[in-house]
C-alpha atoms as a PDB file:
ATOM      1  CA  MET A   1     -41.965  53.785 -11.226  1.00  0.00           C
ATOM      2  CA  LYS A   2     -39.148  54.161  -8.693  1.00  0.00           C
ATOM      3  CA  ASP A   3     -37.263  50.913  -7.981  1.00  0.00           C
ATOM      4  CA  PHE A   4     -38.578  50.347  -4.473  1.00  0.00           C
ATOM      5  CA  GLN A   5     -36.413  47.292  -3.858  1.00  0.00           C
ATOM      6  CA  THR A   6     -33.242  49.282  -4.504  1.00  0.00           C
ATOM      7  CA  THR A   7     -34.305  52.516  -2.795  1.00  0.00           C
ATOM      8  CA  TYR A   8     -36.376  51.261   0.127  1.00  0.00           C
ATOM      9  CA  GLY A   9     -35.747  47.525   0.309  1.00  0.00           C
ATOM     10  CA  PRO A  10     -35.193  44.876   1.250  1.00  0.00           C
ATOM     11  CA  TRP A  11     -37.581  45.264   4.208  1.00  0.00           C
ATOM     12  CA  ALA A  12     -40.426  47.661   5.005  1.00  0.00           C
ATOM     13  CA  LEU A  13     -42.117  48.081   8.375  1.00  0.00           C
ATOM     14  CA  VAL A  14     -45.820  48.959   8.423  1.00  0.00           C
ATOM     15  CA  ALA A  15     -47.383  49.996  11.738  1.00  0.00           C
ATOM     16  CA  GLY A  16     -51.145  49.561  11.992  1.00  0.00           C
ATOM     17  CA  ALA A  17     -51.127  46.887   9.320  1.00  0.00           C
ATOM     18  CA  SER A  18     -53.863  44.389  10.177  1.00  0.00           C
ATOM     19  CA  GLU A  19     -56.666  45.948   8.101  1.00  0.00           C
ATOM     20  CA  GLY A  20     -57.794  49.021   6.199  1.00  0.00           C
ATOM     21  CA  LEU A  21     -55.156  51.468   5.009  1.00  0.00           C
ATOM     22  CA  GLY A  22     -52.254  49.720   6.733  1.00  0.00           C
ATOM     23  CA  ALA A  23     -53.128  46.475   4.980  1.00  0.00           C
ATOM     24  CA  ALA A  24     -53.342  48.351   1.688  1.00  0.00           C
ATOM     25  CA  PHE A  25     -49.850  49.794   2.207  1.00  0.00           C
ATOM     26  CA  ALA A  26     -48.535  46.322   3.014  1.00  0.00           C
ATOM     27  CA  GLU A  27     -50.066  44.847  -0.122  1.00  0.00           C
ATOM     28  CA  SER A  28     -48.763  47.680  -2.335  1.00  0.00           C
ATOM     29  CA  LEU A  29     -45.246  47.217  -0.939  1.00  0.00           C
ATOM     30  CA  ALA A  30     -45.380  43.433  -1.297  1.00  0.00           C
ATOM     31  CA  ALA A  31     -46.411  43.913  -4.928  1.00  0.00           C
ATOM     32  CA  ARG A  32     -43.221  45.971  -5.348  1.00  0.00           C
ATOM     33  CA  GLY A  33     -41.157  43.082  -4.025  1.00  0.00           C
ATOM     34  CA  LEU A  34     -40.412  44.315  -0.498  1.00  0.00           C
ATOM     35  CA  ASN A  35     -40.329  41.965   2.457  1.00  0.00           C
ATOM     36  CA  LEU A  36     -42.558  43.116   5.285  1.00  0.00           C
ATOM     37  CA  ILE A  37     -42.665  43.507   9.034  1.00  0.00           C
ATOM     38  CA  LEU A  38     -46.268  44.048  10.070  1.00  0.00           C
ATOM     39  CA  VAL A  39     -47.111  45.614  13.424  1.00  0.00           C
ATOM     40  CA  ALA A  40     -50.572  45.838  15.009  1.00  0.00           C
ATOM     41  CA  ARG A  41     -52.389  44.962  18.227  1.00  0.00           C
ATOM     42  CA  ARG A  42     -54.548  42.072  16.991  1.00  0.00           C
ATOM     43  CA  GLU A  43     -52.172  39.159  16.526  1.00  0.00           C
ATOM     44  CA  PRO A  44     -54.561  36.552  14.990  1.00  0.00           C
ATOM     45  CA  GLN A  45     -55.746  38.970  12.302  1.00  0.00           C
ATOM     46  CA  LEU A  46     -52.172  40.110  11.676  1.00  0.00           C
ATOM     47  CA  MET A  47     -50.885  36.553  11.257  1.00  0.00           C
ATOM     48  CA  ALA A  48     -53.689  35.588   8.883  1.00  0.00           C
ATOM     49  CA  PHE A  49     -53.004  38.617   6.707  1.00  0.00           C
ATOM     50  CA  ALA A  50     -49.275  37.877   6.705  1.00  0.00           C
ATOM     51  CA  GLU A  51     -49.885  34.363   5.437  1.00  0.00           C
ATOM     52  CA  GLU A  52     -52.090  35.731   2.674  1.00  0.00           C
ATOM     53  CA  LEU A  53     -49.334  38.117   1.562  1.00  0.00           C
ATOM     54  CA  ARG A  54     -46.694  35.370   1.586  1.00  0.00           C
ATOM     55  CA  HIS A  55     -48.841  33.181  -0.615  1.00  0.00           C
ATOM     56  CA  ARG A  56     -49.876  35.930  -3.036  1.00  0.00           C
ATOM     57  CA  TYR A  57     -46.599  37.820  -3.492  1.00  0.00           C
ATOM     58  CA  ALA A  58     -43.863  35.335  -2.511  1.00  0.00           C
ATOM     59  CA  VAL A  59     -42.219  37.786  -0.100  1.00  0.00           C
ATOM     60  CA  ALA A  60     -41.063  37.246   3.466  1.00  0.00           C
ATOM     61  CA  VAL A  61     -43.533  38.602   6.025  1.00  0.00           C
ATOM     62  CA  GLU A  62     -42.954  38.804   9.766  1.00  0.00           C
ATOM     63  CA  THR A  63     -45.388  40.029  12.389  1.00  0.00           C
ATOM     64  CA  GLN A  64     -45.218  41.681  15.783  1.00  0.00           C
ATOM     65  CA  ALA A  65     -48.184  42.296  18.068  1.00  0.00           C
ATOM     66  CA  LEU A  66     -47.635  45.667  19.767  1.00  0.00           C
ATOM     67  CA  ASP A  67     -49.815  48.229  21.493  1.00  0.00           C
ATOM     68  CA  LEU A  68     -48.443  51.505  20.153  1.00  0.00           C
ATOM     69  CA  ALA A  69     -50.299  53.405  22.866  1.00  0.00           C
ATOM     70  CA  GLU A  70     -47.110  52.534  24.760  1.00  0.00           C
ATOM     71  CA  PRO A  71     -44.412  54.222  22.630  1.00  0.00           C
ATOM     72  CA  GLU A  72     -41.639  52.550  24.642  1.00  0.00           C
ATOM     73  CA  SER A  73     -42.703  49.209  23.188  1.00  0.00           C
ATOM     74  CA  GLY A  74     -42.189  50.589  19.679  1.00  0.00           C
ATOM     75  CA  GLU A  75     -38.757  51.952  20.625  1.00  0.00           C
ATOM     76  CA  ARG A  76     -37.661  48.591  22.018  1.00  0.00           C
ATOM     77  CA  PHE A  77     -38.945  46.768  18.965  1.00  0.00           C
ATOM     78  CA  ILE A  78     -37.071  48.999  16.525  1.00  0.00           C
ATOM     79  CA  ARG A  79     -33.863  48.523  18.521  1.00  0.00           C
ATOM     80  CA  SER A  80     -34.297  44.748  18.428  1.00  0.00           C
ATOM     81  CA  LEU A  81     -34.622  44.529  14.644  1.00  0.00           C
ATOM     82  CA  THR A  82     -31.995  42.587  12.734  1.00  0.00           C
ATOM     83  CA  GLN A  83     -33.583  43.074   9.300  1.00  0.00           C
ATOM     84  CA  ASP A  84     -32.342  45.813   6.973  1.00  0.00           C
ATOM     85  CA  VAL A  85     -35.455  47.994   7.126  1.00  0.00           C
ATOM     86  CA  GLY A  86     -35.418  50.749   4.507  1.00  0.00           C
ATOM     87  CA  LEU A  87     -38.990  52.051   4.713  1.00  0.00           C
ATOM     88  CA  LEU A  88     -41.251  52.892   7.638  1.00  0.00           C
ATOM     89  CA  VAL A  89     -44.993  53.453   7.238  1.00  0.00           C
ATOM     90  CA  CYS A  90     -46.586  54.965  10.369  1.00  0.00           C
ATOM     91  CA  ASN A  91     -50.264  54.270   9.842  1.00  0.00           C
ATOM     92  CA  ALA A  92     -51.491  53.269  13.318  1.00  0.00           C
ATOM     93  CA  ALA A  93     -54.114  55.724  14.549  1.00  0.00           C
ATOM     94  CA  TYR A  94     -56.714  56.130  17.254  1.00  0.00           C
ATOM     95  CA  SER A  95     -59.630  58.530  17.568  1.00  0.00           C
ATOM     96  CA  ALA A  96     -62.393  59.133  20.058  1.00  0.00           C
ATOM     97  CA  VAL A  97     -65.365  60.884  18.483  1.00  0.00           C
ATOM     98  CA  GLY A  98     -67.351  63.390  20.504  1.00  0.00           C
ATOM     99  CA  ARG A  99     -67.330  66.826  22.082  1.00  0.00           C
ATOM    100  CA  PHE A 100     -63.976  67.521  23.720  1.00  0.00           C
ATOM    101  CA  GLN A 101     -65.396  67.948  27.235  1.00  0.00           C
ATOM    102  CA  ASP A 102     -67.251  64.623  26.932  1.00  0.00           C
ATOM    103  CA  VAL A 103     -64.204  62.507  26.072  1.00  0.00           C
ATOM    104  CA  PRO A 104     -62.443  61.095  29.163  1.00  0.00           C
ATOM    105  CA  LEU A 105     -58.897  62.338  29.635  1.00  0.00           C
ATOM    106  CA  PRO A 106     -57.366  58.816  29.335  1.00  0.00           C
ATOM    107  CA  GLN A 107     -58.844  58.522  25.844  1.00  0.00           C
ATOM    108  CA  LEU A 108     -57.470  61.915  24.849  1.00  0.00           C
ATOM    109  CA  GLN A 109     -54.060  60.851  26.120  1.00  0.00           C
ATOM    110  CA  GLN A 110     -54.323  57.603  24.147  1.00  0.00           C
ATOM    111  CA  ILE A 111     -54.952  59.603  20.961  1.00  0.00           C
ATOM    112  CA  LEU A 112     -51.767  61.559  21.632  1.00  0.00           C
ATOM    113  CA  ALA A 113     -49.801  58.406  22.378  1.00  0.00           C
ATOM    114  CA  VAL A 114     -50.826  56.433  19.290  1.00  0.00           C
ATOM    115  CA  ASN A 115     -50.988  59.285  16.782  1.00  0.00           C
ATOM    116  CA  THR A 116     -47.983  61.395  17.779  1.00  0.00           C
ATOM    117  CA  ALA A 117     -45.717  59.756  20.368  1.00  0.00           C
ATOM    118  CA  ALA A 118     -45.629  56.401  18.561  1.00  0.00           C
ATOM    119  CA  PRO A 119     -44.684  57.678  15.074  1.00  0.00           C
ATOM    120  CA  LEU A 120     -42.218  60.082  16.676  1.00  0.00           C
ATOM    121  CA  ALA A 121     -40.525  57.239  18.550  1.00  0.00           C
ATOM    122  CA  LEU A 122     -40.536  54.788  15.621  1.00  0.00           C
ATOM    123  CA  THR A 123     -39.126  57.377  13.241  1.00  0.00           C
ATOM    124  CA  ARG A 124     -36.473  58.611  15.663  1.00  0.00           C
ATOM    125  CA  GLU A 125     -35.255  55.104  16.427  1.00  0.00           C
ATOM    126  CA  LEU A 126     -35.092  54.001  12.775  1.00  0.00           C
ATOM    127  CA  LEU A 127     -33.567  57.129  11.230  1.00  0.00           C
ATOM    128  CA  PRO A 128     -29.960  56.476  12.307  1.00  0.00           C
ATOM    129  CA  HIS A 129     -30.109  53.147  10.467  1.00  0.00           C
ATOM    130  CA  LEU A 130     -31.531  54.817   7.366  1.00  0.00           C
ATOM    131  CA  VAL A 131     -28.817  57.477   7.464  1.00  0.00           C
ATOM    132  CA  GLU A 132     -26.156  54.805   7.751  1.00  0.00           C
ATOM    133  CA  ARG A 133     -27.619  53.074   4.689  1.00  0.00           C
ATOM    134  CA  GLY A 134     -27.701  56.374   2.802  1.00  0.00           C
ATOM    135  CA  ARG A 135     -31.182  55.733   1.471  1.00  0.00           C
ATOM    136  CA  GLY A 136     -34.679  54.946   2.720  1.00  0.00           C
ATOM    137  CA  GLY A 137     -38.043  56.491   3.449  1.00  0.00           C
ATOM    138  CA  VAL A 138     -40.672  57.341   6.063  1.00  0.00           C
ATOM    139  CA  VAL A 139     -44.409  57.742   5.490  1.00  0.00           C
ATOM    140  CA  LEU A 140     -46.388  59.559   8.209  1.00  0.00           C
ATOM    141  CA  MET A 141     -50.147  59.315   7.848  1.00  0.00           C
ATOM    142  CA  SER A 142     -51.890  62.623   8.373  1.00  0.00           C
ATOM    143  CA  SER A 143     -55.344  63.833   7.398  1.00  0.00           C
ATOM    144  CA  LEU A 144     -57.215  66.676   5.754  1.00  0.00           C
ATOM    145  CA  SER A 145     -58.778  67.180   9.187  1.00  0.00           C
ATOM    146  CA  GLY A 146     -55.350  68.320  10.402  1.00  0.00           C
ATOM    147  CA  GLY A 147     -55.313  71.350   8.105  1.00  0.00           C
ATOM    148  CA  GLN A 148     -57.540  73.220  10.536  1.00  0.00           C
ATOM    149  CA  GLY A 149     -59.412  72.566  13.755  1.00  0.00           C
ATOM    150  CA  SER A 150     -62.182  69.994  13.395  1.00  0.00           C
ATOM    151  CA  ALA A 151     -65.100  69.822  15.842  1.00  0.00           C
ATOM    152  CA  ASN A 152     -66.034  66.400  17.209  1.00  0.00           C
ATOM    153  CA  ILE A 153     -62.491  65.096  16.581  1.00  0.00           C
ATOM    154  CA  ALA A 154     -60.505  68.070  17.892  1.00  0.00           C
ATOM    155  CA  THR A 155     -57.650  66.094  19.470  1.00  0.00           C
ATOM    156  CA  TYR A 156     -57.352  63.671  16.546  1.00  0.00           C
ATOM    157  CA  ALA A 157     -57.148  66.586  14.096  1.00  0.00           C
ATOM    158  CA  ALA A 158     -54.475  68.246  16.225  1.00  0.00           C
ATOM    159  CA  THR A 159     -52.350  65.086  16.194  1.00  0.00           C
ATOM    160  CA  LYS A 160     -52.612  64.884  12.408  1.00  0.00           C
ATOM    161  CA  ALA A 161     -51.433  68.487  12.124  1.00  0.00           C
ATOM    162  CA  PHE A 162     -48.407  67.453  14.184  1.00  0.00           C
ATOM    163  CA  ASN A 163     -47.563  64.641  11.753  1.00  0.00           C
ATOM    164  CA  THR A 164     -47.814  66.944   8.740  1.00  0.00           C
ATOM    165  CA  VAL A 165     -45.489  69.553  10.201  1.00  0.00           C
ATOM    166  CA  LEU A 166     -43.068  66.895  11.444  1.00  0.00           C
ATOM    167  CA  ALA A 167     -42.896  65.352   7.971  1.00  0.00           C
ATOM    168  CA  GLU A 168     -42.309  68.738   6.353  1.00  0.00           C
ATOM    169  CA  GLY A 169     -39.361  69.420   8.605  1.00  0.00           C
ATOM    170  CA  LEU A 170     -37.895  65.951   8.180  1.00  0.00           C
ATOM    171  CA  TRP A 171     -38.375  66.107   4.407  1.00  0.00           C
ATOM    172  CA  GLN A 172     -35.842  68.941   4.302  1.00  0.00           C
ATOM    173  CA  GLU A 173     -33.602  67.731   7.092  1.00  0.00           C
ATOM    174  CA  MET A 174     -33.382  64.075   6.077  1.00  0.00           C
ATOM    175  CA  GLY A 175     -33.616  64.679   2.341  1.00  0.00           C
ATOM    176  CA  GLU A 176     -30.111  66.104   2.518  1.00  0.00           C
ATOM    177  CA  GLN A 177     -29.016  62.647   3.728  1.00  0.00           C
ATOM    178  CA  GLY A 178     -30.840  60.599   1.109  1.00  0.00           C
ATOM    179  CA  ILE A 179     -33.953  59.825   3.154  1.00  0.00           C
ATOM    180  CA  ASP A 180     -37.387  60.494   1.640  1.00  0.00           C
ATOM    181  CA  VAL A 181     -40.108  61.630   4.070  1.00  0.00           C
ATOM    182  CA  ILE A 182     -43.733  62.349   3.244  1.00  0.00           C
ATOM    183  CA  ALA A 183     -46.994  63.095   5.062  1.00  0.00           C
ATOM    184  CA  SER A 184     -50.104  61.685   3.421  1.00  0.00           C
ATOM    185  CA  CYS A 185     -53.019  64.018   4.177  1.00  0.00           C
ATOM    186  CA  ALA A 186     -55.878  61.725   3.302  1.00  0.00           C
ATOM    187  CA  GLY A 187     -59.550  62.548   3.258  1.00  0.00           C
ATOM    188  CA  ALA A 188     -62.217  59.951   3.944  1.00  0.00           C
ATOM    189  CA  ILE A 189     -61.093  56.376   3.248  1.00  0.00           C
ATOM    190  CA  ARG A 190     -63.253  53.257   2.944  1.00  0.00           C
ATOM    191  CA  THR A 191     -61.819  51.429   5.936  1.00  0.00           C
ATOM    192  CA  PRO A 192     -63.679  49.405   8.570  1.00  0.00           C
ATOM    193  CA  GLY A 193     -63.002  52.108  11.158  1.00  0.00           C
ATOM    194  CA  TYR A 194     -64.351  54.940   9.025  1.00  0.00           C
ATOM    195  CA  LEU A 195     -67.415  53.020   7.867  1.00  0.00           C
ATOM    196  CA  ASN A 196     -68.274  52.110  11.463  1.00  0.00           C
ATOM    197  CA  ALA A 197     -67.992  55.742  12.557  1.00  0.00           C
ATOM    198  CA  GLN A 198     -69.958  57.299   9.692  1.00  0.00           C
ATOM    199  CA  LYS A 199     -73.651  57.941  10.401  1.00  0.00           C
ATOM    200  CA  GLY A 200     -74.674  59.372   7.026  1.00  0.00           C
ATOM    201  CA  GLY A 201     -73.733  58.560   3.457  1.00  0.00           C
ATOM    202  CA  GLU A 202     -70.236  58.498   2.061  1.00  0.00           C
ATOM    203  CA  ALA A 203     -68.231  61.702   2.313  1.00  0.00           C
ATOM    204  CA  PRO A 204     -67.412  63.561  -0.920  1.00  0.00           C
ATOM    205  CA  GLY A 205     -64.088  62.455  -2.358  1.00  0.00           C
ATOM    206  CA  ILE A 206     -63.957  59.208  -0.383  1.00  0.00           C
ATOM    207  CA  LEU A 207     -61.265  56.844  -1.696  1.00  0.00           C
ATOM    208  CA  ASP A 208     -60.518  53.154  -1.432  1.00  0.00           C
ATOM    209  CA  ALA A 209     -57.564  52.356   0.809  1.00  0.00           C
ATOM    210  CA  HIS A 210     -55.514  51.000  -2.105  1.00  0.00           C
ATOM    211  CA  GLU A 211     -55.907  54.280  -3.993  1.00  0.00           C
ATOM    212  CA  VAL A 212     -54.525  56.193  -1.012  1.00  0.00           C
ATOM    213  CA  ALA A 213     -51.613  53.796  -0.552  1.00  0.00           C
ATOM    214  CA  GLU A 214     -50.668  53.830  -4.231  1.00  0.00           C
ATOM    215  CA  GLU A 215     -50.828  57.604  -4.613  1.00  0.00           C
ATOM    216  CA  THR A 216     -48.832  58.106  -1.423  1.00  0.00           C
ATOM    217  CA  LEU A 217     -46.074  55.709  -2.446  1.00  0.00           C
ATOM    218  CA  ALA A 218     -45.947  57.233  -5.928  1.00  0.00           C
ATOM    219  CA  ALA A 219     -45.320  60.675  -4.379  1.00  0.00           C
ATOM    220  CA  LEU A 220     -42.650  59.478  -1.930  1.00  0.00           C
ATOM    221  CA  GLY A 221     -39.422  61.284  -2.719  1.00  0.00           C
ATOM    222  CA  SER A 222     -41.002  64.099  -4.728  1.00  0.00           C
ATOM    223  CA  ALA A 223     -42.776  66.264  -2.116  1.00  0.00           C
ATOM    224  CA  PRO A 224     -43.118  66.642   1.657  1.00  0.00           C
ATOM    225  CA  VAL A 225     -46.920  66.309   1.563  1.00  0.00           C
ATOM    226  CA  VAL A 226     -49.384  64.500  -0.681  1.00  0.00           C
ATOM    227  CA  ILE A 227     -53.185  64.772  -0.662  1.00  0.00           C
ATOM    228  CA  PRO A 228     -54.545  61.654  -2.392  1.00  0.00           C
ATOM    229  CA  GLY A 229     -57.494  62.162  -4.731  1.00  0.00           C
ATOM    230  CA  ARG A 230     -58.194  64.969  -7.177  1.00  0.00           C
ATOM    231  CA  LEU A 231     -61.234  66.304  -5.320  1.00  0.00           C
ATOM    232  CA  ASN A 232     -59.395  66.166  -2.003  1.00  0.00           C
ATOM    233  CA  LYS A 233     -56.488  68.114  -3.476  1.00  0.00           C
ATOM    234  CA  TRP A 234     -58.884  70.866  -4.504  1.00  0.00           C
ATOM    235  CA  VAL A 235     -60.610  70.829  -1.112  1.00  0.00           C
ATOM    236  CA  GLY A 236     -57.256  71.007   0.672  1.00  0.00           C
ATOM    237  CA  PHE A 237     -56.148  73.961  -1.460  1.00  0.00           C
ATOM    238  CA  MET A 238     -59.413  75.774  -0.897  1.00  0.00           C
ATOM    239  CA  MET A 239     -59.455  75.245   2.868  1.00  0.00           C
ATOM    240  CA  GLN A 240     -55.793  76.026   3.466  1.00  0.00           C
ATOM    241  CA  ARG A 241     -55.231  78.821   0.937  1.00  0.00           C
ATOM    242  CA  LEU A 242     -58.530  80.431  -0.061  1.00  0.00           C
ATOM    243  CA  LEU A 243     -60.973  80.317   2.841  1.00  0.00           C
ATOM    244  CA  PRO A 244     -60.610  82.338   6.044  1.00  0.00           C
ATOM    245  CA  LYS A 245     -59.647  80.039   8.881  1.00  0.00           C
ATOM    246  CA  ALA A 246     -63.018  80.365  10.609  1.00  0.00           C
ATOM    247  CA  SER A 247     -64.819  79.316   7.422  1.00  0.00           C
ATOM    248  CA  ALA A 248     -62.483  76.343   6.958  1.00  0.00           C
ATOM    249  CA  VAL A 249     -63.113  75.168  10.521  1.00  0.00           C
ATOM    250  CA  ARG A 250     -66.884  75.427  10.071  1.00  0.00           C
ATOM    251  CA  LEU A 251     -66.772  73.596   6.753  1.00  0.00           C
ATOM    252  CA  MET A 252     -64.708  70.716   8.089  1.00  0.00           C
ATOM    253  CA  SER A 253     -66.911  70.515  11.171  1.00  0.00           C
ATOM    254  CA  LYS A 254     -69.997  69.994   8.995  1.00  0.00           C
ATOM    255  CA  ASN A 255     -68.411  66.744   7.836  1.00  0.00           C
ATOM    256  CA  THR A 256     -67.053  65.568  11.158  1.00  0.00           C
ATOM    257  CA  LYS A 257     -70.400  66.008  12.922  1.00  0.00           C
ATOM    258  CA  GLU A 258     -71.586  62.938  10.954  1.00  0.00           C
ATOM    259  CA  LEU A 259     -69.096  60.742  12.807  1.00  0.00           C
ATOM    260  CA  GLN A 260     -70.087  58.769  15.869  1.00  0.00           C
END
């Protein structure tokens, strides 16, 4: 296992950290001995989780309640940091499920703000510090839905495609300066948000949040993109390399129509 304290420590910042996958990332990093800065909208839940991590892993944990639908707030927060942050996990996400013409424009704009503008701003503001350190890492959460258009979540899927391509470019660009960048293209994850949105049974290849976090962190520094889960890796290869694009879109849309 890579020495996370040396390479990415002493502090990691996790955006979207109050529950689900963000909480899983925070716990995995705390288990590796990193101090944490947790960012999310819901302050009471965030503070309770921080106290749990302090007690369980004996690491320092600080919290900041932020609405990342306003990217300027994330920029200001990064600039105000005094901690030596060596790892950024951009996990905050928002989605509105439904036919594109039925989703109000403000909600579509919020998806763009949280899923693309926020990670772009956080990463851009932190990178100069990472370059100065000569080491560090950035994790951008993407999705298998971003490998092709996905009906019922068209805008969300488009934002995840953005994060994948951004990570690929930064992997090359920043890797030359000692900074590891990776996009995690996850499939279905057992998180409160996913379980609330799913009408039918569990999707094939669904993973626990801790499995996704662990596999993503294990791949950091070795590749620009990781698809957690063996079945999901095969599905990703099939949809991106083997199937015609129209078939891939239809196949993904069969799964996303079960969301509500």
